C-alpha cells in the first residue's frame, strides 16, 4: 500500500473510532469528513460500514479469535462455546456498532467484507465443529446460525433488568444450541 493510502486508512480508522465512541451522527459521511478524506477514499478502503466497524474493533476481534485454542484446550467443547459466546455477547452489548455489524455476518456480499468477518466466523466455526464432533450441539448448526440467534440479545437494554434478561435468554439460547446438556461456564 502506498504511504498516502496507508495514511488515509489510518486517519479513517482513527476518525471512525472517535465518531463511534461518541453520541451523534456516526454516518460514513461524518467519518470521512472527520478523517479529512472524501467518501470515495473511505469506500475504497472500507466498502461498507460493517467492514469499517470490524476494523475499528480489531483488538476485540483479535482477542476473541485468539481465545479459541485455549478454550478448546482447557474446557469441554460445550463450555468453550458458552464462554466464547459470552465474551462476544459482552463486546456487542458494550459496543452496539460492533453488534450491528456482526448481525450481518451471515449475509455479507462483498469479498472485502467476507475477509473482515472471516476471522470471527472461523473462530466460531471451530467451536461449533468441536461441539458437533462431541455430539453436544444441534446437528447442522453453523457459525452463521449462532450469530443470527445471538443478534437479538445485543439489542436488549443495558440497565440492570436488561442484563438479567439478556443472561436469562442467553441460557435459553445455549440450551437450544446444546440440547440435553447444561452449558454453563465453568
C-alpha atoms as a PDB file:
ATOM      1  CA  UNK A   1       0.000   0.000   0.000  1.00  0.00           C
ATOM      2  CA  UNK A   2       1.334   3.435  -0.898  1.00  0.00           C
ATOM      3  CA  UNK A   3       2.227   5.677   2.036  1.00  0.00           C
ATOM      4  CA  UNK A   4      -0.543   8.188   1.265  1.00  0.00           C
ATOM      5  CA  UNK A   5      -3.119   5.400   1.055  1.00  0.00           C
ATOM      6  CA  UNK A   6      -1.872   3.941   4.335  1.00  0.00           C
ATOM      7  CA  UNK A   7      -2.046   7.384   5.928  1.00  0.00           C
ATOM      8  CA  UNK A   8      -5.629   7.792   4.725  1.00  0.00           C
ATOM      9  CA  UNK A   9      -6.565   4.362   6.067  1.00  0.00           C
ATOM     10  CA  UNK A  10      -5.116   5.162   9.485  1.00  0.00           C
ATOM     11  CA  UNK A  11      -6.899   8.544   9.587  1.00  0.00           C
ATOM     12  CA  UNK A  12     -10.186   6.884   8.648  1.00  0.00           C
ATOM     13  CA  UNK A  13      -9.818   4.266  11.400  1.00  0.00           C
ATOM     14  CA  UNK A  14      -8.910   6.904  13.995  1.00  0.00           C
ATOM     15  CA  UNK A  15     -11.817   9.123  12.961  1.00  0.00           C
ATOM     16  CA  UNK A  16     -14.210   6.160  12.987  1.00  0.00           C
ATOM     17  CA  UNK A  17     -13.115   5.167  16.495  1.00  0.00           C
ATOM     18  CA  UNK A  18     -13.773   8.717  17.718  1.00  0.00           C
ATOM     19  CA  UNK A  19     -17.113   9.048  15.938  1.00  0.00           C
ATOM     20  CA  UNK A  20     -18.382   5.627  17.003  1.00  0.00           C
ATOM     21  CA  UNK A  21     -17.403   6.270  20.632  1.00  0.00           C
ATOM     22  CA  UNK A  22     -19.441   9.449  20.908  1.00  0.00           C
ATOM     23  CA  UNK A  23     -23.061  10.414  20.561  1.00  0.00           C
ATOM     24  CA  UNK A  24     -24.492  11.925  17.424  1.00  0.00           C
ATOM     25  CA  UNK A  25     -24.008  11.345  13.729  1.00  0.00           C
ATOM     26  CA  UNK A  26     -21.919   8.246  13.087  1.00  0.00           C
ATOM     27  CA  UNK A  27     -22.563   8.023   9.361  1.00  0.00           C
ATOM     28  CA  UNK A  28     -19.799   7.150   6.954  1.00  0.00           C
ATOM     29  CA  UNK A  29     -20.087  10.676   5.583  1.00  0.00           C
ATOM     30  CA  UNK A  30     -19.316  12.153   9.014  1.00  0.00           C
ATOM     31  CA  UNK A  31     -16.422   9.722   9.480  1.00  0.00           C
ATOM     32  CA  UNK A  32     -14.941  10.708   6.106  1.00  0.00           C
ATOM     33  CA  UNK A  33     -15.351  14.396   6.981  1.00  0.00           C
ATOM     34  CA  UNK A  34     -13.614  13.946  10.346  1.00  0.00           C
ATOM     35  CA  UNK A  35     -10.782  11.972   8.695  1.00  0.00           C
ATOM     36  CA  UNK A  36     -10.333  14.711   6.106  1.00  0.00           C
ATOM     37  CA  UNK A  37     -10.909  12.388   3.161  1.00  0.00           C
ATOM     38  CA  UNK A  38     -13.569  12.131   0.501  1.00  0.00           C
ATOM     39  CA  UNK A  39     -16.265   9.492   0.656  1.00  0.00           C
ATOM     40  CA  UNK A  40     -14.704   7.749  -2.349  1.00  0.00           C
ATOM     41  CA  UNK A  41     -11.455   7.335  -0.432  1.00  0.00           C
ATOM     42  CA  UNK A  42     -13.325   5.903   2.546  1.00  0.00           C
ATOM     43  CA  UNK A  43     -15.217   3.436   0.324  1.00  0.00           C
ATOM     44  CA  UNK A  44     -12.008   2.321  -1.416  1.00  0.00           C
ATOM     45  CA  UNK A  45     -10.660   1.240   1.954  1.00  0.00           C
ATOM     46  CA  UNK A  46     -13.941   0.088   3.526  1.00  0.00           C
ATOM     47  CA  UNK A  47     -16.713  -0.829   1.073  1.00  0.00           C
ATOM     48  CA  UNK A  48     -19.376  -0.559   3.762  1.00  0.00           C
ATOM     49  CA  UNK A  49     -19.990   0.351   7.376  1.00  0.00           C
ATOM     50  CA  UNK A  50     -19.671  -3.204   8.672  1.00  0.00           C
ATOM     51  CA  UNK A  51     -16.159  -3.624   7.268  1.00  0.00           C
ATOM     52  CA  UNK A  52     -15.081  -0.358   8.855  1.00  0.00           C
ATOM     53  CA  UNK A  53     -16.625  -1.163  12.241  1.00  0.00           C
ATOM     54  CA  UNK A  54     -14.957  -4.588  12.368  1.00  0.00           C
ATOM     55  CA  UNK A  55     -11.609  -2.938  11.696  1.00  0.00           C
ATOM     56  CA  UNK A  56     -12.209  -0.322  14.409  1.00  0.00           C
ATOM     57  CA  UNK A  57     -12.868  -3.152  16.875  1.00  0.00           C
ATOM     58  CA  UNK A  58      -9.893  -5.129  15.575  1.00  0.00           C
ATOM     59  CA  UNK A  59      -8.350  -5.632  19.030  1.00  0.00           C
ATOM     60  CA  UNK A  60     -11.569  -7.143  20.369  1.00  0.00           C
ATOM     61  CA  UNK A  61     -11.864  -9.352  17.279  1.00  0.00           C
ATOM     62  CA  UNK A  62      -8.265 -10.493  17.692  1.00  0.00           C
ATOM     63  CA  UNK A  63      -8.827 -11.298  21.385  1.00  0.00           C
ATOM     64  CA  UNK A  64     -11.905 -13.361  20.536  1.00  0.00           C
ATOM     65  CA  UNK A  65     -10.105 -15.225  17.770  1.00  0.00           C
ATOM     66  CA  UNK A  66      -7.033 -15.897  19.906  1.00  0.00           C
ATOM     67  CA  UNK A  67      -9.146 -17.217  22.792  1.00  0.00           C
ATOM     68  CA  UNK A  68     -10.474 -20.231  20.872  1.00  0.00           C
ATOM     69  CA  UNK A  69      -7.444 -22.557  21.079  1.00  0.00           C
ATOM     70  CA  UNK A  70      -7.153 -22.019  24.833  1.00  0.00           C
ATOM     71  CA  UNK A  71     -10.852 -22.592  25.384  1.00  0.00           C
ATOM     72  CA  UNK A  72     -10.786 -25.805  23.371  1.00  0.00           C
ATOM     73  CA  UNK A  73      -7.671 -26.986  25.225  1.00  0.00           C
ATOM     74  CA  UNK A  74      -8.974 -26.310  28.728  1.00  0.00           C
ATOM     75  CA  UNK A  75     -12.772 -26.682  28.575  1.00  0.00           C
ATOM     76  CA  UNK A  76     -15.225 -29.105  27.083  1.00  0.00           C
ATOM     77  CA  UNK A  77     -16.372 -28.019  23.618  1.00  0.00           C
ATOM     78  CA  UNK A  78     -19.732 -27.044  25.054  1.00  0.00           C
ATOM     79  CA  UNK A  79     -18.259 -24.937  27.861  1.00  0.00           C
ATOM     80  CA  UNK A  80     -15.730 -23.404  25.466  1.00  0.00           C
ATOM     81  CA  UNK A  81     -18.533 -22.353  23.112  1.00  0.00           C
ATOM     82  CA  UNK A  82     -20.533 -20.928  26.000  1.00  0.00           C
ATOM     83  CA  UNK A  83     -17.564 -18.958  27.366  1.00  0.00           C
ATOM     84  CA  UNK A  84     -16.678 -17.606  23.920  1.00  0.00           C
ATOM     85  CA  UNK A  85     -20.244 -16.581  23.135  1.00  0.00           C
ATOM     86  CA  UNK A  86     -20.453 -14.788  26.489  1.00  0.00           C
ATOM     87  CA  UNK A  87     -17.350 -12.790  25.526  1.00  0.00           C
ATOM     88  CA  UNK A  88     -18.803 -11.996  22.110  1.00  0.00           C
ATOM     89  CA  UNK A  89     -22.112 -11.002  23.690  1.00  0.00           C
ATOM     90  CA  UNK A  90     -20.291  -8.725  26.146  1.00  0.00           C
ATOM     91  CA  UNK A  91     -18.376  -6.976  23.353  1.00  0.00           C
ATOM     92  CA  UNK A  92     -21.581  -6.484  21.377  1.00  0.00           C
ATOM     93  CA  UNK A  93     -23.526  -5.175  24.356  1.00  0.00           C
ATOM     94  CA  UNK A  94     -20.727  -2.702  25.170  1.00  0.00           C
ATOM     95  CA  UNK A  95     -20.315  -1.631  21.544  1.00  0.00           C
ATOM     96  CA  UNK A  96     -23.677  -1.521  19.738  1.00  0.00           C
ATOM     97  CA  UNK A  97     -21.968  -0.645  16.444  1.00  0.00           C
ATOM     98  CA  UNK A  98     -19.992  -3.879  16.655  1.00  0.00           C
ATOM     99  CA  UNK A  99     -23.162  -5.855  17.409  1.00  0.00           C
ATOM    100  CA  UNK A 100     -24.920  -4.222  14.463  1.00  0.00           C
ATOM    101  CA  UNK A 101     -22.024  -5.100  12.173  1.00  0.00           C
ATOM    102  CA  UNK A 102     -21.959  -8.691  13.422  1.00  0.00           C
ATOM    103  CA  UNK A 103     -25.669  -9.141  12.843  1.00  0.00           C
ATOM    104  CA  UNK A 104     -24.970  -9.123   9.107  1.00  0.00           C
ATOM    105  CA  UNK A 105     -22.139 -11.649   9.184  1.00  0.00           C
ATOM    106  CA  UNK A 106     -24.174 -14.377   7.530  1.00  0.00           C
ATOM    107  CA  UNK A 107     -25.283 -12.236   4.606  1.00  0.00           C
ATOM    108  CA  UNK A 108     -22.078 -10.474   3.507  1.00  0.00           C
ATOM    109  CA  UNK A 109     -21.980  -9.670  -0.177  1.00  0.00           C
ATOM    110  CA  UNK A 110     -18.516  -8.338  -0.945  1.00  0.00           C
ATOM    111  CA  UNK A 111     -15.230 -10.193  -0.759  1.00  0.00           C
ATOM    112  CA  UNK A 112     -13.729  -7.390   1.356  1.00  0.00           C
ATOM    113  CA  UNK A 113     -16.447  -7.889   3.960  1.00  0.00           C
ATOM    114  CA  UNK A 114     -16.107 -11.659   3.863  1.00  0.00           C
ATOM    115  CA  UNK A 115     -12.438 -11.145   4.675  1.00  0.00           C
ATOM    116  CA  UNK A 116     -13.310  -8.804   7.557  1.00  0.00           C
ATOM    117  CA  UNK A 117     -15.740 -11.331   9.056  1.00  0.00           C
ATOM    118  CA  UNK A 118     -13.627 -14.395   8.278  1.00  0.00           C
ATOM    119  CA  UNK A 119     -11.500 -14.492  11.470  1.00  0.00           C
ATOM    120  CA  UNK A 120     -14.552 -14.396  13.751  1.00  0.00           C
ATOM    121  CA  UNK A 121     -16.533 -16.827  11.631  1.00  0.00           C
ATOM    122  CA  UNK A 122     -13.568 -19.212  11.524  1.00  0.00           C
ATOM    123  CA  UNK A 123     -13.158 -18.990  15.303  1.00  0.00           C
ATOM    124  CA  UNK A 124     -16.829 -19.658  15.919  1.00  0.00           C
ATOM    125  CA  UNK A 125     -16.833 -22.408  13.278  1.00  0.00           C
ATOM    126  CA  UNK A 126     -14.017 -24.165  15.169  1.00  0.00           C
ATOM    127  CA  UNK A 127     -16.100 -24.098  18.351  1.00  0.00           C
ATOM    128  CA  UNK A 128     -19.217 -25.309  16.524  1.00  0.00           C
ATOM    129  CA  UNK A 129     -17.222 -28.090  14.824  1.00  0.00           C
ATOM    130  CA  UNK A 130     -15.764 -29.224  18.174  1.00  0.00           C
ATOM    131  CA  UNK A 131     -19.281 -29.415  19.576  1.00  0.00           C
ATOM    132  CA  UNK A 132     -20.549 -31.267  16.501  1.00  0.00           C
ATOM    133  CA  UNK A 133     -17.735 -33.821  16.890  1.00  0.00           C
ATOM    134  CA  UNK A 134     -18.628 -34.232  20.575  1.00  0.00           C
ATOM    135  CA  UNK A 135     -22.337 -34.515  19.765  1.00  0.00           C
ATOM    136  CA  UNK A 136     -23.141 -31.562  22.037  1.00  0.00           C
ATOM    137  CA  UNK A 137     -24.726 -29.208  19.531  1.00  0.00           C
ATOM    138  CA  UNK A 138     -27.877 -29.407  17.450  1.00  0.00           C
ATOM    139  CA  UNK A 139     -26.989 -31.204  14.199  1.00  0.00           C
ATOM    140  CA  UNK A 140     -26.406 -28.957  11.193  1.00  0.00           C
ATOM    141  CA  UNK A 141     -25.711 -25.826  13.249  1.00  0.00           C
ATOM    142  CA  UNK A 142     -23.368 -23.317  11.578  1.00  0.00           C
ATOM    143  CA  UNK A 143     -21.449 -20.325  12.889  1.00  0.00           C
ATOM    144  CA  UNK A 144     -23.779 -18.069  10.914  1.00  0.00           C
ATOM    145  CA  UNK A 145     -26.781 -19.699  12.633  1.00  0.00           C
ATOM    146  CA  UNK A 146     -25.296 -18.986  16.038  1.00  0.00           C
ATOM    147  CA  UNK A 147     -24.643 -15.325  15.192  1.00  0.00           C
ATOM    148  CA  UNK A 148     -28.196 -14.942  13.930  1.00  0.00           C
ATOM    149  CA  UNK A 149     -29.530 -16.348  17.201  1.00  0.00           C
ATOM    150  CA  UNK A 150     -27.223 -14.145  19.300  1.00  0.00           C
ATOM    151  CA  UNK A 151     -28.248 -10.953  17.470  1.00  0.00           C
ATOM    152  CA  UNK A 152     -31.419 -10.125  19.430  1.00  0.00           C
ATOM    153  CA  UNK A 153     -29.553 -10.404  22.743  1.00  0.00           C
ATOM    154  CA  UNK A 154     -27.314  -7.495  21.726  1.00  0.00           C
ATOM    155  CA  UNK A 155     -30.355  -5.235  21.436  1.00  0.00           C
ATOM    156  CA  UNK A 156     -31.631  -5.733  24.968  1.00  0.00           C
ATOM    157  CA  UNK A 157     -31.284  -2.629  27.153  1.00  0.00           C
ATOM    158  CA  UNK A 158     -28.136  -2.259  29.232  1.00  0.00           C
ATOM    159  CA  UNK A 159     -29.867  -1.436  32.527  1.00  0.00           C
ATOM    160  CA  UNK A 160     -29.942  -3.950  35.412  1.00  0.00           C
ATOM    161  CA  UNK A 161     -33.193  -5.510  34.249  1.00  0.00           C
ATOM    162  CA  UNK A 162     -31.827  -5.776  30.720  1.00  0.00           C
ATOM    163  CA  UNK A 163     -28.697  -7.533  31.955  1.00  0.00           C
ATOM    164  CA  UNK A 164     -30.794 -10.096  33.821  1.00  0.00           C
ATOM    165  CA  UNK A 165     -32.999 -10.626  30.791  1.00  0.00           C
ATOM    166  CA  UNK A 166     -30.015 -10.978  28.443  1.00  0.00           C
ATOM    167  CA  UNK A 167     -28.473 -13.570  30.770  1.00  0.00           C
ATOM    168  CA  UNK A 168     -31.729 -15.499  31.031  1.00  0.00           C
ATOM    169  CA  UNK A 169     -32.189 -15.512  27.264  1.00  0.00           C
ATOM    170  CA  UNK A 170     -28.543 -16.476  26.744  1.00  0.00           C
ATOM    171  CA  UNK A 171     -29.169 -19.558  28.885  1.00  0.00           C
ATOM    172  CA  UNK A 172     -32.239 -20.377  26.757  1.00  0.00           C
ATOM    173  CA  UNK A 173     -30.123 -19.965  23.620  1.00  0.00           C
ATOM    174  CA  UNK A 174     -27.434 -22.283  24.959  1.00  0.00           C
ATOM    175  CA  UNK A 175     -29.979 -24.943  25.941  1.00  0.00           C
ATOM    176  CA  UNK A 176     -31.364 -24.787  22.400  1.00  0.00           C
ATOM    177  CA  UNK A 177     -27.918 -24.973  20.777  1.00  0.00           C
ATOM    178  CA  UNK A 178     -26.719 -27.737  23.065  1.00  0.00           C
ATOM    179  CA  UNK A 179     -29.844 -29.784  23.856  1.00  0.00           C
ATOM    180  CA  UNK A 180     -29.604 -32.231  26.722  1.00  0.00           C
ATOM    181  CA  UNK A 181     -26.551 -30.534  28.202  1.00  0.00           C
ATOM    182  CA  UNK A 182     -26.050 -27.861  30.831  1.00  0.00           C
ATOM    183  CA  UNK A 183     -23.926 -25.224  29.004  1.00  0.00           C
ATOM    184  CA  UNK A 184     -22.943 -23.001  31.937  1.00  0.00           C
ATOM    185  CA  UNK A 185     -19.440 -21.587  32.182  1.00  0.00           C
ATOM    186  CA  UNK A 186     -17.026 -23.383  34.460  1.00  0.00           C
END
